[in-house]
Amino acid sequence: MKRLVLLFLIIPFLSFGQGETVKEFYESRRIKSQVKEVDGVREGIYTEWHENGNKKVEGVYRVG
């Protein structure tokens, strides 16, 4: 029974704050940028590429 209660307490936190990965693409369908957003705020590693596929810039968004 303790395990069942513990499971119900942990499950909501597994999906909380994970956010989504937002990707932008060039017209050529190559990736332009990628960043994670949580509640509409950019967070984590941000990467941007040139149209030829070479990495242009990489940085980190930190909340707070």
C-alpha atoms as a PDB file:
ATOM      1  CA  MET A   1       0.000   0.000   0.000  1.00  0.00           C
ATOM      2  CA  LYS A   2       2.865   2.387   0.774  1.00  0.00           C
ATOM      3  CA  ARG A   3       4.249   1.850  -2.718  1.00  0.00           C
ATOM      4  CA  LEU A   4       0.909   2.733  -4.285  1.00  0.00           C
ATOM      5  CA  VAL A   5       0.666   5.980  -2.320  1.00  0.00           C
ATOM      6  CA  LEU A   6       4.260   6.838  -3.164  1.00  0.00           C
ATOM      7  CA  LEU A   7       3.574   6.182  -6.843  1.00  0.00           C
ATOM      8  CA  PHE A   8       0.619   8.588  -6.845  1.00  0.00           C
ATOM      9  CA  LEU A   9       2.755  11.242  -5.177  1.00  0.00           C
ATOM     10  CA  ILE A  10       5.634  10.914  -7.655  1.00  0.00           C
ATOM     11  CA  ILE A  11       3.800  10.640 -10.995  1.00  0.00           C
ATOM     12  CA  PRO A  12       2.549  14.269 -11.155  1.00  0.00           C
ATOM     13  CA  PHE A  13       6.094  15.558 -10.671  1.00  0.00           C
ATOM     14  CA  LEU A  14       7.476  13.539 -13.570  1.00  0.00           C
ATOM     15  CA  SER A  15       5.622  15.640 -16.132  1.00  0.00           C
ATOM     16  CA  PHE A  16       5.740  18.941 -14.227  1.00  0.00           C
ATOM     17  CA  GLY A  17       8.017  21.576 -15.775  1.00  0.00           C
ATOM     18  CA  GLN A  18       9.307  19.511 -18.663  1.00  0.00           C
ATOM     19  CA  GLY A  19       8.184  22.019 -21.270  1.00  0.00           C
ATOM     20  CA  GLU A  20       8.491  21.513 -24.976  1.00  0.00           C
ATOM     21  CA  THR A  21      11.243  21.789 -27.540  1.00  0.00           C
ATOM     22  CA  VAL A  22      10.610  24.600 -30.034  1.00  0.00           C
ATOM     23  CA  LYS A  23      12.281  24.284 -33.430  1.00  0.00           C
ATOM     24  CA  GLU A  24      12.464  26.765 -36.306  1.00  0.00           C
ATOM     25  CA  PHE A  25      13.348  25.755 -39.853  1.00  0.00           C
ATOM     26  CA  TYR A  26      14.691  27.474 -42.961  1.00  0.00           C
ATOM     27  CA  GLU A  27      12.615  27.340 -46.160  1.00  0.00           C
ATOM     28  CA  SER A  28      15.013  24.598 -47.287  1.00  0.00           C
ATOM     29  CA  ARG A  29      13.625  22.509 -44.368  1.00  0.00           C
ATOM     30  CA  ARG A  30      16.966  22.506 -42.546  1.00  0.00           C
ATOM     31  CA  ILE A  31      16.833  23.312 -38.857  1.00  0.00           C
ATOM     32  CA  LYS A  32      17.447  26.964 -37.967  1.00  0.00           C
ATOM     33  CA  SER A  33      17.143  26.955 -34.161  1.00  0.00           C
ATOM     34  CA  GLN A  34      16.117  24.822 -31.215  1.00  0.00           C
ATOM     35  CA  VAL A  35      15.275  25.770 -27.630  1.00  0.00           C
ATOM     36  CA  LYS A  36      13.194  24.398 -24.764  1.00  0.00           C
ATOM     37  CA  GLU A  37      10.257  26.431 -23.429  1.00  0.00           C
ATOM     38  CA  VAL A  38       8.557  25.945 -20.081  1.00  0.00           C
ATOM     39  CA  ASP A  39       5.349  27.923 -19.562  1.00  0.00           C
ATOM     40  CA  GLY A  40       6.264  30.186 -22.500  1.00  0.00           C
ATOM     41  CA  VAL A  41       9.719  31.021 -21.104  1.00  0.00           C
ATOM     42  CA  ARG A  42      12.893  29.892 -22.846  1.00  0.00           C
ATOM     43  CA  GLU A  43      15.003  27.662 -20.658  1.00  0.00           C
ATOM     44  CA  GLY A  44      18.076  25.508 -21.137  1.00  0.00           C
ATOM     45  CA  ILE A  45      20.353  25.113 -24.141  1.00  0.00           C
ATOM     46  CA  TYR A  46      19.662  27.284 -27.193  1.00  0.00           C
ATOM     47  CA  THR A  47      21.239  26.280 -30.497  1.00  0.00           C
ATOM     48  CA  GLU A  48      21.151  28.059 -33.853  1.00  0.00           C
ATOM     49  CA  TRP A  49      22.517  26.831 -37.183  1.00  0.00           C
ATOM     50  CA  HIS A  50      23.521  28.438 -40.485  1.00  0.00           C
ATOM     51  CA  GLU A  51      21.470  27.381 -43.495  1.00  0.00           C
ATOM     52  CA  ASN A  52      24.359  25.156 -44.634  1.00  0.00           C
ATOM     53  CA  GLY A  53      24.016  23.097 -41.426  1.00  0.00           C
ATOM     54  CA  ASN A  54      27.041  24.451 -39.544  1.00  0.00           C
ATOM     55  CA  LYS A  55      26.422  25.482 -35.944  1.00  0.00           C
ATOM     56  CA  LYS A  56      26.140  29.270 -35.664  1.00  0.00           C
ATOM     57  CA  VAL A  57      25.717  29.802 -31.921  1.00  0.00           C
ATOM     58  CA  GLU A  58      24.973  27.905 -28.737  1.00  0.00           C
ATOM     59  CA  GLY A  59      23.977  29.407 -25.422  1.00  0.00           C
ATOM     60  CA  VAL A  60      22.018  28.747 -22.251  1.00  0.00           C
ATOM     61  CA  TYR A  61      18.839  30.403 -21.013  1.00  0.00           C
ATOM     62  CA  ARG A  62      18.547  30.425 -17.242  1.00  0.00           C
ATOM     63  CA  VAL A  63      15.375  31.306 -15.381  1.00  0.00           C
ATOM     64  CA  GLY A  64      15.700  33.585 -12.392  1.00  0.00           C
END
